[in-house]
Amino acid sequence: MRDILIIVLSLQLLGSLQSQMIPKEIKKCHFGESQCIVDSMNALIKKFPRGIPALGLKPIDVVDIRNSKFWNDERVGAFWLQFDLFDQVNYGFENTTITKVNGFDENPTSSLIEIHGRIPSLIHKGSYFSQGRVWIVQLNSTGESFSDFQNFRFVLKLKVIMEYRNNKRYLKIYELNPFVNMDRWVFWLDNFFESNTDLTIAINQVFNLHWVEFWNELEPTNLKIFASVFRDIFEDVFKKVSYDDMFLPVPKEFAVND
């Protein structure tokens, strides 16, 4: 009897650890109940900007970013640039407002999941290393970089597959595409021309005056960075919390068989 009791208790404990529960103060919704899901996501962001480790929700007030190769021209001609970003962080995700969602249905693999939102000011800080040539000027500099994406709006389109563990369904992202827009991109590079402060200021002023043209040129690289940031935010949650536990249970007579 004692051995049976230990086994039963162990299985119960294991099940509770492997099926993390949403905090009680966050309202659960029915599958596909879009406005309720929007409200719950906004409540989660507002109440837990520093994350919920047990649920895999990382802090969103300071978000680490992977190192990235921002510009990588071939070293030929009168103009070429290689530009690497490292030790990067984002500030501002804690001020995100989710405005619309689609696709959180009982069977999430049957349709595209969409998440729409806006951030008043998304700040990016980090370090950079650049090498290049601008006509007769050789570039070889390291310094701090700063970006402010003002009134940043995003749409995330996710395709997911389902994994089954402990008789529950877990989401796994296999494709995430961000679409973004903003009112302005403020950008600054310290020490871009190491021995010429005036030239550094001048090139930064040119960039900020013509930021739209620079954004259009660099949009594919920026979107790749944003995709990795958003993916990192969601993946651990999907890994730790089953899709079924995110929503209210469906009455058995209405349940969908995958």
C-alpha atoms as a PDB file:
ATOM      1  CA  MET A   1       0.000   0.000   0.000  1.00  0.00           C
ATOM      2  CA  ARG A   2       2.808   2.405   0.910  1.00  0.00           C
ATOM      3  CA  ASP A   3       4.551   1.796  -2.436  1.00  0.00           C
ATOM      4  CA  ILE A   4       1.316   2.356  -4.346  1.00  0.00           C
ATOM      5  CA  LEU A   5       0.711   5.623  -2.481  1.00  0.00           C
ATOM      6  CA  ILE A   6       4.233   6.856  -3.282  1.00  0.00           C
ATOM      7  CA  ILE A   7       3.787   6.008  -6.971  1.00  0.00           C
ATOM      8  CA  VAL A   8       0.422   7.773  -7.156  1.00  0.00           C
ATOM      9  CA  LEU A   9       1.761  10.894  -5.436  1.00  0.00           C
ATOM     10  CA  SER A  10       4.849  10.909  -7.649  1.00  0.00           C
ATOM     11  CA  LEU A  11       2.745  10.704 -10.797  1.00  0.00           C
ATOM     12  CA  GLN A  12       0.505  13.519  -9.588  1.00  0.00           C
ATOM     13  CA  LEU A  13       3.527  15.703  -8.817  1.00  0.00           C
ATOM     14  CA  LEU A  14       5.141  14.923 -12.150  1.00  0.00           C
ATOM     15  CA  GLY A  15       1.953  15.779 -13.976  1.00  0.00           C
ATOM     16  CA  SER A  16       1.598  19.096 -12.190  1.00  0.00           C
ATOM     17  CA  LEU A  17       5.200  20.050 -12.957  1.00  0.00           C
ATOM     18  CA  GLN A  18       4.898  19.124 -16.613  1.00  0.00           C
ATOM     19  CA  SER A  19       1.625  20.956 -17.106  1.00  0.00           C
ATOM     20  CA  GLN A  20       2.228  24.467 -15.817  1.00  0.00           C
ATOM     21  CA  MET A  21      -0.855  26.484 -15.010  1.00  0.00           C
ATOM     22  CA  ILE A  22      -1.700  30.072 -15.935  1.00  0.00           C
ATOM     23  CA  PRO A  23      -1.856  32.385 -12.868  1.00  0.00           C
ATOM     24  CA  LYS A  24      -5.397  32.582 -11.483  1.00  0.00           C
ATOM     25  CA  GLU A  25      -5.554  36.363 -11.889  1.00  0.00           C
ATOM     26  CA  ILE A  26      -5.240  36.001 -15.672  1.00  0.00           C
ATOM     27  CA  LYS A  27      -8.635  35.248 -17.181  1.00  0.00           C
ATOM     28  CA  LYS A  28      -8.854  32.162 -19.369  1.00  0.00           C
ATOM     29  CA  CYS A  29     -10.854  32.283 -22.577  1.00  0.00           C
ATOM     30  CA  HIS A  30     -12.643  29.872 -24.842  1.00  0.00           C
ATOM     31  CA  PHE A  31     -10.840  28.816 -28.014  1.00  0.00           C
ATOM     32  CA  GLY A  32     -11.261  31.411 -30.751  1.00  0.00           C
ATOM     33  CA  GLU A  33     -12.679  34.060 -28.392  1.00  0.00           C
ATOM     34  CA  SER A  34     -10.548  36.820 -29.882  1.00  0.00           C
ATOM     35  CA  GLN A  35     -11.455  39.836 -27.738  1.00  0.00           C
ATOM     36  CA  CYS A  36     -11.112  37.844 -24.521  1.00  0.00           C
ATOM     37  CA  ILE A  37      -7.689  36.598 -25.674  1.00  0.00           C
ATOM     38  CA  VAL A  38      -6.609  40.183 -26.446  1.00  0.00           C
ATOM     39  CA  ASP A  39      -7.694  41.306 -22.950  1.00  0.00           C
ATOM     40  CA  SER A  40      -5.922  38.390 -21.252  1.00  0.00           C
ATOM     41  CA  MET A  41      -2.689  38.932 -23.187  1.00  0.00           C
ATOM     42  CA  ASN A  42      -2.687  42.623 -22.253  1.00  0.00           C
ATOM     43  CA  ALA A  43      -3.334  41.762 -18.602  1.00  0.00           C
ATOM     44  CA  LEU A  44      -0.438  39.288 -18.666  1.00  0.00           C
ATOM     45  CA  ILE A  45       1.915  41.904 -20.148  1.00  0.00           C
ATOM     46  CA  LYS A  46       0.838  44.539 -17.621  1.00  0.00           C
ATOM     47  CA  LYS A  47       1.001  42.321 -14.525  1.00  0.00           C
ATOM     48  CA  PHE A  48       4.164  40.373 -15.310  1.00  0.00           C
ATOM     49  CA  PRO A  49       6.684  42.569 -17.201  1.00  0.00           C
ATOM     50  CA  ARG A  50       9.517  40.692 -15.477  1.00  0.00           C
ATOM     51  CA  GLY A  51       8.229  37.344 -16.620  1.00  0.00           C
ATOM     52  CA  ILE A  52       6.966  34.164 -14.991  1.00  0.00           C
ATOM     53  CA  PRO A  53       9.886  31.687 -14.965  1.00  0.00           C
ATOM     54  CA  ALA A  54       7.655  28.718 -14.086  1.00  0.00           C
ATOM     55  CA  LEU A  55       5.669  29.305 -17.264  1.00  0.00           C
ATOM     56  CA  GLY A  56       8.679  30.003 -19.455  1.00  0.00           C
ATOM     57  CA  LEU A  57       7.632  33.637 -19.801  1.00  0.00           C
ATOM     58  CA  LYS A  58      10.868  35.599 -19.978  1.00  0.00           C
ATOM     59  CA  PRO A  59      11.208  39.204 -18.767  1.00  0.00           C
ATOM     60  CA  ILE A  60       9.936  41.614 -21.408  1.00  0.00           C
ATOM     61  CA  ASP A  61      11.086  44.869 -19.800  1.00  0.00           C
ATOM     62  CA  VAL A  62      14.641  43.999 -20.885  1.00  0.00           C
ATOM     63  CA  VAL A  63      14.917  41.565 -23.811  1.00  0.00           C
ATOM     64  CA  ASP A  64      18.252  40.145 -24.901  1.00  0.00           C
ATOM     65  CA  ILE A  65      18.885  39.895 -28.636  1.00  0.00           C
ATOM     66  CA  ARG A  66      21.132  37.510 -30.489  1.00  0.00           C
ATOM     67  CA  ASN A  67      24.263  38.834 -32.160  1.00  0.00           C
ATOM     68  CA  SER A  68      23.609  39.715 -35.781  1.00  0.00           C
ATOM     69  CA  LYS A  69      25.425  40.638 -38.980  1.00  0.00           C
ATOM     70  CA  PHE A  70      23.557  43.781 -39.960  1.00  0.00           C
ATOM     71  CA  TRP A  71      25.409  44.615 -43.177  1.00  0.00           C
ATOM     72  CA  ASN A  72      27.728  42.272 -45.043  1.00  0.00           C
ATOM     73  CA  ASP A  73      28.948  43.629 -48.385  1.00  0.00           C
ATOM     74  CA  GLU A  74      31.683  42.020 -50.422  1.00  0.00           C
ATOM     75  CA  ARG A  75      34.979  43.875 -49.925  1.00  0.00           C
ATOM     76  CA  VAL A  76      35.111  45.300 -53.435  1.00  0.00           C
ATOM     77  CA  GLY A  77      34.655  48.707 -55.002  1.00  0.00           C
ATOM     78  CA  ALA A  78      34.643  52.239 -53.647  1.00  0.00           C
ATOM     79  CA  PHE A  79      31.826  51.590 -51.199  1.00  0.00           C
ATOM     80  CA  TRP A  80      31.376  48.528 -49.055  1.00  0.00           C
ATOM     81  CA  LEU A  81      30.423  47.966 -45.419  1.00  0.00           C
ATOM     82  CA  GLN A  82      30.459  45.110 -42.938  1.00  0.00           C
ATOM     83  CA  PHE A  83      28.549  45.832 -39.761  1.00  0.00           C
ATOM     84  CA  ASP A  84      28.054  43.504 -36.783  1.00  0.00           C
ATOM     85  CA  LEU A  85      25.809  44.068 -33.758  1.00  0.00           C
ATOM     86  CA  PHE A  86      26.466  42.392 -30.402  1.00  0.00           C
ATOM     87  CA  ASP A  87      25.556  42.698 -26.692  1.00  0.00           C
ATOM     88  CA  GLN A  88      22.126  43.924 -27.764  1.00  0.00           C
ATOM     89  CA  VAL A  89      19.009  44.534 -25.670  1.00  0.00           C
ATOM     90  CA  ASN A  90      15.522  45.882 -26.319  1.00  0.00           C
ATOM     91  CA  TYR A  91      13.518  48.038 -23.927  1.00  0.00           C
ATOM     92  CA  GLY A  92       9.823  48.772 -24.295  1.00  0.00           C
ATOM     93  CA  PHE A  93       8.080  45.439 -24.818  1.00  0.00           C
ATOM     94  CA  GLU A  94       6.486  45.883 -21.367  1.00  0.00           C
ATOM     95  CA  ASN A  95       4.465  48.762 -22.892  1.00  0.00           C
ATOM     96  CA  THR A  96       3.039  46.570 -25.652  1.00  0.00           C
ATOM     97  CA  THR A  97      -0.683  46.728 -26.330  1.00  0.00           C
ATOM     98  CA  ILE A  98      -2.147  43.785 -28.213  1.00  0.00           C
ATOM     99  CA  THR A  99      -4.862  45.115 -30.515  1.00  0.00           C
ATOM    100  CA  LYS A 100      -6.088  42.039 -32.383  1.00  0.00           C
ATOM    101  CA  VAL A 101      -5.602  38.281 -32.597  1.00  0.00           C
ATOM    102  CA  ASN A 102      -6.808  35.605 -34.989  1.00  0.00           C
ATOM    103  CA  GLY A 103      -6.480  31.863 -35.215  1.00  0.00           C
ATOM    104  CA  PHE A 104      -6.356  30.676 -31.600  1.00  0.00           C
ATOM    105  CA  ASP A 105      -8.946  28.039 -32.428  1.00  0.00           C
ATOM    106  CA  GLU A 106      -9.383  24.628 -30.893  1.00  0.00           C
ATOM    107  CA  ASN A 107      -7.264  23.250 -33.714  1.00  0.00           C
ATOM    108  CA  PRO A 108      -4.565  25.959 -34.162  1.00  0.00           C
ATOM    109  CA  THR A 109      -2.895  24.102 -37.038  1.00  0.00           C
ATOM    110  CA  SER A 110      -5.939  24.585 -39.270  1.00  0.00           C
ATOM    111  CA  SER A 111      -5.416  28.329 -39.702  1.00  0.00           C
ATOM    112  CA  LEU A 112      -2.786  31.026 -39.474  1.00  0.00           C
ATOM    113  CA  ILE A 113      -2.284  32.563 -36.022  1.00  0.00           C
ATOM    114  CA  GLU A 114      -2.036  36.347 -36.124  1.00  0.00           C
ATOM    115  CA  ILE A 115      -1.085  38.740 -33.314  1.00  0.00           C
ATOM    116  CA  HIS A 116      -1.356  42.506 -33.868  1.00  0.00           C
ATOM    117  CA  GLY A 117       0.110  45.043 -31.472  1.00  0.00           C
ATOM    118  CA  ARG A 118       1.783  48.385 -30.937  1.00  0.00           C
ATOM    119  CA  ILE A 119       4.583  49.746 -28.765  1.00  0.00           C
ATOM    120  CA  PRO A 120       4.915  53.519 -28.140  1.00  0.00           C
ATOM    121  CA  SER A 121       8.713  53.392 -28.192  1.00  0.00           C
ATOM    122  CA  LEU A 122      10.858  50.322 -28.800  1.00  0.00           C
ATOM    123  CA  ILE A 123      14.437  51.083 -27.774  1.00  0.00           C
ATOM    124  CA  HIS A 124      17.385  49.082 -29.017  1.00  0.00           C
ATOM    125  CA  LYS A 125      20.828  49.440 -27.464  1.00  0.00           C
ATOM    126  CA  GLY A 126      23.984  47.516 -28.172  1.00  0.00           C
ATOM    127  CA  SER A 127      27.524  47.555 -29.431  1.00  0.00           C
ATOM    128  CA  TYR A 128      28.719  47.437 -32.997  1.00  0.00           C
ATOM    129  CA  PHE A 129      31.832  46.666 -34.994  1.00  0.00           C
ATOM    130  CA  SER A 130      32.227  48.024 -38.505  1.00  0.00           C
ATOM    131  CA  GLN A 131      34.725  47.744 -41.319  1.00  0.00           C
ATOM    132  CA  GLY A 132      34.392  49.320 -44.713  1.00  0.00           C
ATOM    133  CA  ARG A 133      35.324  51.832 -47.338  1.00  0.00           C
ATOM    134  CA  VAL A 134      33.511  55.015 -48.313  1.00  0.00           C
ATOM    135  CA  TRP A 135      35.409  56.250 -51.360  1.00  0.00           C
ATOM    136  CA  ILE A 136      38.870  57.121 -49.974  1.00  0.00           C
ATOM    137  CA  VAL A 137      37.839  56.794 -46.302  1.00  0.00           C
ATOM    138  CA  GLN A 138      38.611  53.535 -44.526  1.00  0.00           C
ATOM    139  CA  LEU A 139      36.256  52.470 -41.726  1.00  0.00           C
ATOM    140  CA  ASN A 140      37.341  50.401 -38.743  1.00  0.00           C
ATOM    141  CA  SER A 141      35.377  51.304 -35.641  1.00  0.00           C
ATOM    142  CA  THR A 142      33.687  49.937 -32.555  1.00  0.00           C
ATOM    143  CA  GLY A 143      31.152  51.776 -30.448  1.00  0.00           C
ATOM    144  CA  GLU A 144      27.648  51.935 -29.023  1.00  0.00           C
ATOM    145  CA  SER A 145      24.512  51.897 -31.147  1.00  0.00           C
ATOM    146  CA  PHE A 146      21.077  53.284 -30.313  1.00  0.00           C
ATOM    147  CA  SER A 147      17.722  52.943 -32.061  1.00  0.00           C
ATOM    148  CA  ASP A 148      14.267  54.209 -31.165  1.00  0.00           C
ATOM    149  CA  PHE A 149      11.395  52.765 -33.209  1.00  0.00           C
ATOM    150  CA  GLN A 150       8.628  55.252 -32.438  1.00  0.00           C
ATOM    151  CA  ASN A 151       4.967  54.187 -32.456  1.00  0.00           C
ATOM    152  CA  PHE A 152       6.062  50.718 -33.497  1.00  0.00           C
ATOM    153  CA  ARG A 153       3.248  48.567 -34.916  1.00  0.00           C
ATOM    154  CA  PHE A 154       3.585  44.886 -35.657  1.00  0.00           C
ATOM    155  CA  VAL A 155       1.675  41.931 -37.045  1.00  0.00           C
ATOM    156  CA  LEU A 156       3.018  38.468 -36.294  1.00  0.00           C
ATOM    157  CA  LYS A 157       1.913  35.591 -38.499  1.00  0.00           C
ATOM    158  CA  LEU A 158       2.656  32.180 -37.018  1.00  0.00           C
ATOM    159  CA  LYS A 159       2.357  28.694 -38.384  1.00  0.00           C
ATOM    160  CA  VAL A 160       2.504  25.997 -35.738  1.00  0.00           C
ATOM    161  CA  ILE A 161       2.612  22.248 -35.425  1.00  0.00           C
ATOM    162  CA  MET A 162       1.343  20.184 -32.527  1.00  0.00           C
ATOM    163  CA  GLU A 163       3.348  18.032 -30.158  1.00  0.00           C
ATOM    164  CA  TYR A 164       1.757  15.625 -27.690  1.00  0.00           C
ATOM    165  CA  ARG A 165       3.118  15.130 -24.189  1.00  0.00           C
ATOM    166  CA  ASN A 166       1.312  13.630 -21.184  1.00  0.00           C
ATOM    167  CA  ASN A 167      -1.910  13.480 -23.197  1.00  0.00           C
ATOM    168  CA  LYS A 168      -1.829  17.213 -23.810  1.00  0.00           C
ATOM    169  CA  ARG A 169      -1.127  19.335 -26.866  1.00  0.00           C
ATOM    170  CA  TYR A 170       1.835  21.707 -27.058  1.00  0.00           C
ATOM    171  CA  LEU A 171       2.514  24.213 -29.809  1.00  0.00           C
ATOM    172  CA  LYS A 172       5.761  24.403 -31.698  1.00  0.00           C
ATOM    173  CA  ILE A 173       6.482  27.302 -34.052  1.00  0.00           C
ATOM    174  CA  TYR A 174       7.846  26.280 -37.421  1.00  0.00           C
ATOM    175  CA  GLU A 175       7.348  29.651 -39.134  1.00  0.00           C
ATOM    176  CA  LEU A 176       7.035  33.189 -37.781  1.00  0.00           C
ATOM    177  CA  ASN A 177       6.851  36.216 -40.070  1.00  0.00           C
ATOM    178  CA  PRO A 178       6.710  39.754 -38.644  1.00  0.00           C
ATOM    179  CA  PHE A 179       5.331  42.761 -40.490  1.00  0.00           C
ATOM    180  CA  VAL A 180       6.202  46.093 -38.917  1.00  0.00           C
ATOM    181  CA  ASN A 181       5.573  49.788 -39.354  1.00  0.00           C
ATOM    182  CA  MET A 182       6.509  52.898 -37.386  1.00  0.00           C
ATOM    183  CA  ASP A 183       6.215  56.665 -37.377  1.00  0.00           C
ATOM    184  CA  ARG A 184       9.955  57.252 -37.169  1.00  0.00           C
ATOM    185  CA  TRP A 185      13.256  55.453 -36.705  1.00  0.00           C
ATOM    186  CA  VAL A 186      15.791  57.422 -34.666  1.00  0.00           C
ATOM    187  CA  PHE A 187      19.278  55.961 -34.989  1.00  0.00           C
ATOM    188  CA  TRP A 188      22.694  56.899 -33.632  1.00  0.00           C
ATOM    189  CA  LEU A 189      26.147  55.377 -33.826  1.00  0.00           C
ATOM    190  CA  ASP A 190      28.882  56.607 -31.501  1.00  0.00           C
ATOM    191  CA  ASN A 191      32.434  56.800 -32.825  1.00  0.00           C
ATOM    192  CA  PHE A 192      31.544  55.727 -36.377  1.00  0.00           C
ATOM    193  CA  PHE A 193      34.502  57.695 -37.725  1.00  0.00           C
ATOM    194  CA  GLU A 194      36.955  57.106 -34.909  1.00  0.00           C
ATOM    195  CA  SER A 195      39.231  60.075 -35.546  1.00  0.00           C
ATOM    196  CA  ASN A 196      36.628  62.517 -36.827  1.00  0.00           C
ATOM    197  CA  THR A 197      33.782  63.478 -34.483  1.00  0.00           C
ATOM    198  CA  ASP A 198      32.349  66.018 -36.937  1.00  0.00           C
ATOM    199  CA  LEU A 199      32.067  63.379 -39.659  1.00  0.00           C
ATOM    200  CA  THR A 200      30.433  60.955 -37.207  1.00  0.00           C
ATOM    201  CA  ILE A 201      27.810  63.576 -36.329  1.00  0.00           C
ATOM    202  CA  ALA A 202      27.264  64.417 -39.996  1.00  0.00           C
ATOM    203  CA  ILE A 203      26.677  60.793 -41.067  1.00  0.00           C
ATOM    204  CA  ASN A 204      24.242  60.252 -38.192  1.00  0.00           C
ATOM    205  CA  GLN A 205      22.344  63.386 -39.185  1.00  0.00           C
ATOM    206  CA  VAL A 206      22.127  62.162 -42.779  1.00  0.00           C
ATOM    207  CA  PHE A 207      20.826  58.809 -41.603  1.00  0.00           C
ATOM    208  CA  ASN A 208      18.104  60.340 -39.436  1.00  0.00           C
ATOM    209  CA  LEU A 209      17.076  62.791 -42.142  1.00  0.00           C
ATOM    210  CA  HIS A 210      16.682  59.957 -44.682  1.00  0.00           C
ATOM    211  CA  TRP A 211      15.633  57.192 -42.291  1.00  0.00           C
ATOM    212  CA  VAL A 212      12.840  55.936 -44.579  1.00  0.00           C
ATOM    213  CA  GLU A 213      15.279  55.182 -47.394  1.00  0.00           C
ATOM    214  CA  PHE A 214      17.641  53.436 -44.973  1.00  0.00           C
ATOM    215  CA  TRP A 215      14.751  51.422 -43.517  1.00  0.00           C
ATOM    216  CA  ASN A 216      13.687  50.256 -46.977  1.00  0.00           C
ATOM    217  CA  GLU A 217      17.266  49.148 -47.664  1.00  0.00           C
ATOM    218  CA  LEU A 218      17.695  47.374 -44.328  1.00  0.00           C
ATOM    219  CA  GLU A 219      14.152  46.079 -43.786  1.00  0.00           C
ATOM    220  CA  PRO A 220      14.915  42.390 -44.585  1.00  0.00           C
ATOM    221  CA  THR A 221      17.731  42.329 -42.012  1.00  0.00           C
ATOM    222  CA  ASN A 222      15.657  44.178 -39.426  1.00  0.00           C
ATOM    223  CA  LEU A 223      12.711  41.822 -39.908  1.00  0.00           C
ATOM    224  CA  LYS A 224      14.983  38.820 -39.419  1.00  0.00           C
ATOM    225  CA  ILE A 225      16.143  40.300 -36.094  1.00  0.00           C
ATOM    226  CA  PHE A 226      12.579  41.077 -35.008  1.00  0.00           C
ATOM    227  CA  ALA A 227      11.495  37.545 -35.949  1.00  0.00           C
ATOM    228  CA  SER A 228      14.156  36.023 -33.691  1.00  0.00           C
ATOM    229  CA  VAL A 229      13.171  38.347 -30.817  1.00  0.00           C
ATOM    230  CA  PHE A 230       9.466  37.533 -31.012  1.00  0.00           C
ATOM    231  CA  ARG A 231      10.157  33.843 -31.515  1.00  0.00           C
ATOM    232  CA  ASP A 232      12.310  33.732 -28.376  1.00  0.00           C
ATOM    233  CA  ILE A 233       9.513  35.384 -26.381  1.00  0.00           C
ATOM    234  CA  PHE A 234       6.889  32.822 -27.415  1.00  0.00           C
ATOM    235  CA  GLU A 235       8.803  29.568 -27.764  1.00  0.00           C
ATOM    236  CA  ASP A 236       9.534  28.874 -24.096  1.00  0.00           C
ATOM    237  CA  VAL A 237       5.905  29.544 -23.149  1.00  0.00           C
ATOM    238  CA  PHE A 238       4.647  27.161 -25.816  1.00  0.00           C
ATOM    239  CA  LYS A 239       7.165  24.574 -24.666  1.00  0.00           C
ATOM    240  CA  LYS A 240       6.176  24.716 -20.975  1.00  0.00           C
ATOM    241  CA  VAL A 241       2.433  25.421 -21.075  1.00  0.00           C
ATOM    242  CA  SER A 242       0.178  23.083 -22.982  1.00  0.00           C
ATOM    243  CA  TYR A 243      -2.161  24.674 -25.486  1.00  0.00           C
ATOM    244  CA  ASP A 244      -5.093  23.042 -23.715  1.00  0.00           C
ATOM    245  CA  ASP A 245      -4.161  24.654 -20.383  1.00  0.00           C
ATOM    246  CA  MET A 246      -4.145  28.125 -21.952  1.00  0.00           C
ATOM    247  CA  PHE A 247      -7.905  27.947 -22.541  1.00  0.00           C
ATOM    248  CA  LEU A 248     -11.099  26.906 -20.839  1.00  0.00           C
ATOM    249  CA  PRO A 249     -11.952  23.220 -21.316  1.00  0.00           C
ATOM    250  CA  VAL A 250     -14.241  22.288 -24.177  1.00  0.00           C
ATOM    251  CA  PRO A 251     -17.289  20.179 -23.289  1.00  0.00           C
ATOM    252  CA  LYS A 252     -16.632  16.658 -24.522  1.00  0.00           C
ATOM    253  CA  GLU A 253     -19.605  16.642 -26.856  1.00  0.00           C
ATOM    254  CA  PHE A 254     -18.105  19.640 -28.703  1.00  0.00           C
ATOM    255  CA  ALA A 255     -14.438  18.590 -28.642  1.00  0.00           C
ATOM    256  CA  VAL A 256     -12.529  18.480 -31.925  1.00  0.00           C
ATOM    257  CA  ASN A 257     -10.431  15.428 -32.685  1.00  0.00           C
ATOM    258  CA  ASP A 258      -7.118  16.338 -34.390  1.00  0.00           C
END
